[in-house]
Amino acid sequence: MKRVYIDMVADLFHIGHINILKQARSYGDYLIVGIHNDEDVKSYKRTPIISGSDRSEIVRNCKLVDEVIDNAPLTISAKYIKDNNIDFVFHGD
């Protein structure tokens, strides 16, 4: 099984989010989504409209997603990849 990882803010969840999740999912069998916390998002963007816990719950209930990691780091390390058994990191814009 190939485990694919993508991280996102997922504020005001919309069709663009669905499209990128579909693309990421196409690279493997199991999709892990990291959701950044409010403070990290605020450090480089605006404060999210929807709270981090609500954003995680929204994404967790998307049928494309197998697992959600709350408070995902903005920059992932080799250790993070290894600790979460990630085979492929997907990044899009």
N, C-alpha and C. Protein backbone atom coordinates (compact mmCIF):
# COMPACT_ATOMS: atom_id res chain seq x y z
N MET A 1 0.84 -1.17 0.00
CA MET A 1 0.00 0.00 0.00
C MET A 1 0.89 1.24 0.00
N LYS A 2 0.63 2.16 -0.91
CA LYS A 2 1.38 3.42 -0.99
C LYS A 2 0.61 4.51 -0.24
N ARG A 3 1.28 5.09 0.76
CA ARG A 3 0.68 6.13 1.60
C ARG A 3 1.12 7.51 1.09
N VAL A 4 0.14 8.31 0.73
CA VAL A 4 0.37 9.65 0.17
C VAL A 4 0.01 10.69 1.23
N TYR A 5 0.83 11.72 1.32
CA TYR A 5 0.61 12.79 2.29
C TYR A 5 0.48 14.13 1.58
N ILE A 6 -0.47 14.91 2.05
CA ILE A 6 -0.62 16.30 1.62
C ILE A 6 -1.00 17.10 2.86
N ASP A 7 -0.50 18.32 2.96
CA ASP A 7 -0.94 19.17 4.07
C ASP A 7 -1.64 20.39 3.50
N MET A 8 -2.49 20.96 4.34
CA MET A 8 -3.29 22.10 3.88
C MET A 8 -3.88 22.85 5.07
N VAL A 9 -4.40 24.02 4.76
CA VAL A 9 -5.16 24.79 5.73
C VAL A 9 -6.60 24.31 5.71
N ALA A 10 -7.17 24.19 4.52
CA ALA A 10 -8.55 23.72 4.31
C ALA A 10 -9.59 24.66 4.91
N ASP A 11 -9.28 25.95 4.91
CA ASP A 11 -10.25 26.92 5.40
C ASP A 11 -11.30 27.17 4.31
N LEU A 12 -12.54 27.31 4.72
CA LEU A 12 -13.64 27.51 3.77
C LEU A 12 -13.57 26.45 2.66
N PHE A 13 -13.58 25.20 3.06
CA PHE A 13 -13.41 24.04 2.18
C PHE A 13 -14.25 24.20 0.91
N HIS A 14 -13.61 24.02 -0.26
CA HIS A 14 -14.28 24.27 -1.54
C HIS A 14 -13.81 23.28 -2.60
N ILE A 15 -14.29 23.43 -3.82
CA ILE A 15 -14.01 22.49 -4.92
C ILE A 15 -12.51 22.40 -5.22
N GLY A 16 -11.77 23.47 -5.04
CA GLY A 16 -10.32 23.41 -5.23
C GLY A 16 -9.67 22.43 -4.27
N HIS A 17 -10.16 22.40 -3.04
CA HIS A 17 -9.65 21.42 -2.07
C HIS A 17 -9.97 20.00 -2.53
N ILE A 18 -11.19 19.79 -2.98
CA ILE A 18 -11.59 18.45 -3.46
C ILE A 18 -10.70 18.04 -4.63
N ASN A 19 -10.46 18.94 -5.56
CA ASN A 19 -9.64 18.61 -6.74
C ASN A 19 -8.22 18.23 -6.36
N ILE A 20 -7.62 18.96 -5.43
CA ILE A 20 -6.24 18.62 -5.06
C ILE A 20 -6.20 17.31 -4.27
N LEU A 21 -7.23 17.04 -3.47
CA LEU A 21 -7.29 15.76 -2.77
C LEU A 21 -7.43 14.60 -3.76
N LYS A 22 -8.23 14.80 -4.80
CA LYS A 22 -8.37 13.77 -5.85
C LYS A 22 -7.02 13.52 -6.53
N GLN A 23 -6.32 14.60 -6.86
CA GLN A 23 -5.02 14.44 -7.50
C GLN A 23 -4.04 13.71 -6.60
N ALA A 24 -3.99 14.11 -5.35
CA ALA A 24 -3.07 13.46 -4.40
C ALA A 24 -3.44 11.99 -4.24
N ARG A 25 -4.70 11.71 -4.12
CA ARG A 25 -5.18 10.33 -3.94
C ARG A 25 -4.77 9.45 -5.12
N SER A 26 -4.69 10.02 -6.30
CA SER A 26 -4.35 9.24 -7.50
C SER A 26 -2.92 8.70 -7.47
N TYR A 27 -2.10 9.20 -6.55
CA TYR A 27 -0.70 8.76 -6.45
C TYR A 27 -0.52 7.59 -5.49
N GLY A 28 -1.57 7.14 -4.87
CA GLY A 28 -1.43 6.03 -3.93
C GLY A 28 -2.75 5.43 -3.52
N ASP A 29 -2.68 4.62 -2.47
CA ASP A 29 -3.85 3.86 -2.01
C ASP A 29 -4.44 4.41 -0.73
N TYR A 30 -3.69 5.22 -0.02
CA TYR A 30 -4.09 5.70 1.30
C TYR A 30 -3.69 7.16 1.40
N LEU A 31 -4.67 8.03 1.66
CA LEU A 31 -4.41 9.47 1.68
C LEU A 31 -4.42 10.01 3.10
N ILE A 32 -3.30 10.61 3.47
CA ILE A 32 -3.13 11.26 4.77
C ILE A 32 -3.12 12.76 4.53
N VAL A 33 -3.93 13.50 5.28
CA VAL A 33 -3.97 14.95 5.14
C VAL A 33 -3.55 15.58 6.46
N GLY A 34 -2.52 16.39 6.41
CA GLY A 34 -2.10 17.16 7.57
C GLY A 34 -2.80 18.50 7.55
N ILE A 35 -3.38 18.88 8.67
CA ILE A 35 -4.07 20.17 8.79
C ILE A 35 -3.25 21.07 9.71
N HIS A 36 -2.88 22.24 9.20
CA HIS A 36 -2.09 23.20 9.99
C HIS A 36 -2.96 23.88 11.04
N ASN A 37 -2.35 24.15 12.19
CA ASN A 37 -3.12 24.80 13.26
C ASN A 37 -3.27 26.30 12.99
N ASP A 38 -4.18 26.90 13.71
CA ASP A 38 -4.52 28.31 13.50
C ASP A 38 -3.32 29.24 13.67
N GLU A 39 -2.51 29.02 14.69
CA GLU A 39 -1.36 29.89 14.94
C GLU A 39 -0.33 29.82 13.81
N ASP A 40 -0.05 28.62 13.32
CA ASP A 40 0.89 28.49 12.21
C ASP A 40 0.37 29.18 10.96
N VAL A 41 -0.92 29.02 10.68
CA VAL A 41 -1.51 29.65 9.50
C VAL A 41 -1.44 31.17 9.64
N LYS A 42 -1.76 31.64 10.82
CA LYS A 42 -1.74 33.09 11.07
C LYS A 42 -0.34 33.67 10.88
N SER A 43 0.71 32.86 11.05
CA SER A 43 2.08 33.35 10.93
C SER A 43 2.47 33.71 9.49
N TYR A 44 1.74 33.18 8.50
CA TYR A 44 2.11 33.48 7.11
C TYR A 44 0.91 33.91 6.25
N LYS A 45 -0.26 33.88 6.82
CA LYS A 45 -1.50 34.18 6.10
C LYS A 45 -2.40 34.92 7.08
N ARG A 46 -3.64 34.97 6.81
CA ARG A 46 -4.61 35.54 7.75
C ARG A 46 -5.07 34.46 8.74
N THR A 47 -5.73 34.89 9.79
CA THR A 47 -6.33 33.95 10.73
C THR A 47 -7.44 33.18 10.00
N PRO A 48 -7.45 31.85 10.10
CA PRO A 48 -8.50 31.09 9.43
C PRO A 48 -9.89 31.47 9.93
N ILE A 49 -10.85 31.41 9.04
CA ILE A 49 -12.25 31.69 9.38
C ILE A 49 -12.81 30.54 10.23
N ILE A 50 -12.49 29.32 9.82
CA ILE A 50 -12.96 28.12 10.50
C ILE A 50 -11.84 27.62 11.42
N SER A 51 -12.19 27.23 12.63
CA SER A 51 -11.17 26.77 13.59
C SER A 51 -10.46 25.53 13.09
N GLY A 52 -9.26 25.32 13.60
CA GLY A 52 -8.47 24.14 13.23
C GLY A 52 -9.19 22.84 13.50
N SER A 53 -9.84 22.73 14.65
CA SER A 53 -10.54 21.48 14.96
C SER A 53 -11.71 21.25 14.01
N ASP A 54 -12.41 22.29 13.64
CA ASP A 54 -13.51 22.15 12.68
C ASP A 54 -12.99 21.83 11.28
N ARG A 55 -11.87 22.47 10.89
CA ARG A 55 -11.29 22.17 9.57
C ARG A 55 -10.86 20.72 9.50
N SER A 56 -10.26 20.22 10.57
CA SER A 56 -9.86 18.81 10.61
C SER A 56 -11.06 17.89 10.49
N GLU A 57 -12.12 18.23 11.17
CA GLU A 57 -13.33 17.38 11.13
C GLU A 57 -13.97 17.40 9.75
N ILE A 58 -13.98 18.53 9.09
CA ILE A 58 -14.50 18.62 7.73
C ILE A 58 -13.71 17.70 6.81
N VAL A 59 -12.39 17.81 6.85
CA VAL A 59 -11.53 17.00 5.98
C VAL A 59 -11.64 15.52 6.35
N ARG A 60 -11.69 15.23 7.63
CA ARG A 60 -11.79 13.84 8.10
C ARG A 60 -13.05 13.16 7.53
N ASN A 61 -14.08 13.92 7.25
CA ASN A 61 -15.33 13.36 6.75
C ASN A 61 -15.42 13.35 5.23
N CYS A 62 -14.34 13.70 4.57
CA CYS A 62 -14.29 13.62 3.10
C CYS A 62 -13.94 12.18 2.73
N LYS A 63 -14.71 11.58 1.84
CA LYS A 63 -14.50 10.16 1.51
C LYS A 63 -13.16 9.88 0.82
N LEU A 64 -12.50 10.89 0.31
CA LEU A 64 -11.19 10.71 -0.33
C LEU A 64 -10.08 10.52 0.69
N VAL A 65 -10.32 10.90 1.93
CA VAL A 65 -9.30 10.96 2.97
C VAL A 65 -9.38 9.76 3.90
N ASP A 66 -8.23 9.13 4.13
CA ASP A 66 -8.17 7.98 5.03
C ASP A 66 -7.74 8.36 6.44
N GLU A 67 -6.96 9.42 6.56
CA GLU A 67 -6.42 9.80 7.86
C GLU A 67 -6.13 11.29 7.87
N VAL A 68 -6.36 11.93 9.02
CA VAL A 68 -6.04 13.34 9.20
C VAL A 68 -5.05 13.46 10.36
N ILE A 69 -4.01 14.26 10.16
CA ILE A 69 -3.06 14.56 11.22
C ILE A 69 -3.29 16.02 11.60
N ASP A 70 -3.75 16.23 12.83
CA ASP A 70 -3.98 17.58 13.34
C ASP A 70 -2.65 18.24 13.67
N ASN A 71 -2.63 19.56 13.62
CA ASN A 71 -1.44 20.35 13.96
C ASN A 71 -0.21 19.93 13.16
N ALA A 72 -0.42 19.69 11.88
CA ALA A 72 0.68 19.30 11.00
C ALA A 72 1.69 20.44 10.91
N PRO A 73 2.97 20.12 10.87
CA PRO A 73 3.98 21.17 10.77
C PRO A 73 3.96 21.83 9.39
N LEU A 74 4.37 23.09 9.34
CA LEU A 74 4.45 23.79 8.06
C LEU A 74 5.55 23.21 7.18
N THR A 75 6.63 22.78 7.79
CA THR A 75 7.74 22.17 7.07
C THR A 75 7.91 20.75 7.58
N ILE A 76 7.84 19.79 6.68
CA ILE A 76 7.97 18.40 7.13
C ILE A 76 9.42 17.95 7.02
N SER A 77 9.79 17.08 7.91
CA SER A 77 11.17 16.58 7.97
C SER A 77 11.19 15.11 7.56
N ALA A 78 12.39 14.61 7.37
CA ALA A 78 12.56 13.18 7.08
C ALA A 78 12.01 12.35 8.24
N LYS A 79 12.20 12.82 9.46
CA LYS A 79 11.69 12.11 10.63
C LYS A 79 10.16 12.05 10.60
N TYR A 80 9.52 13.16 10.27
CA TYR A 80 8.05 13.21 10.18
C TYR A 80 7.56 12.21 9.14
N ILE A 81 8.22 12.18 8.00
CA ILE A 81 7.86 11.25 6.93
C ILE A 81 8.00 9.81 7.42
N LYS A 82 9.10 9.52 8.06
CA LYS A 82 9.35 8.17 8.57
C LYS A 82 8.36 7.80 9.68
N ASP A 83 8.16 8.71 10.64
CA ASP A 83 7.26 8.44 11.77
C ASP A 83 5.83 8.18 11.33
N ASN A 84 5.42 8.77 10.21
CA ASN A 84 4.05 8.61 9.71
C ASN A 84 3.94 7.63 8.54
N ASN A 85 5.02 6.92 8.28
CA ASN A 85 5.05 5.90 7.21
C ASN A 85 4.55 6.45 5.87
N ILE A 86 5.06 7.61 5.50
CA ILE A 86 4.65 8.28 4.28
C ILE A 86 5.55 7.83 3.13
N ASP A 87 4.94 7.43 2.03
CA ASP A 87 5.69 6.99 0.85
C ASP A 87 5.87 8.10 -0.17
N PHE A 88 4.91 9.03 -0.22
CA PHE A 88 4.92 10.06 -1.25
C PHE A 88 4.33 11.33 -0.66
N VAL A 89 5.02 12.46 -0.83
CA VAL A 89 4.51 13.75 -0.38
C VAL A 89 4.03 14.51 -1.61
N PHE A 90 2.77 14.92 -1.57
CA PHE A 90 2.16 15.64 -2.69
C PHE A 90 2.06 17.12 -2.29
N HIS A 91 2.46 17.99 -3.21
CA HIS A 91 2.34 19.43 -2.98
C HIS A 91 1.77 20.08 -4.22
N GLY A 92 0.81 20.92 -4.03
CA GLY A 92 0.21 21.62 -5.18
C GLY A 92 -0.09 23.05 -4.80
N ASP A 93 -0.53 23.82 -5.79
CA ASP A 93 -0.94 25.18 -5.48
C ASP A 93 -2.19 25.54 -6.24
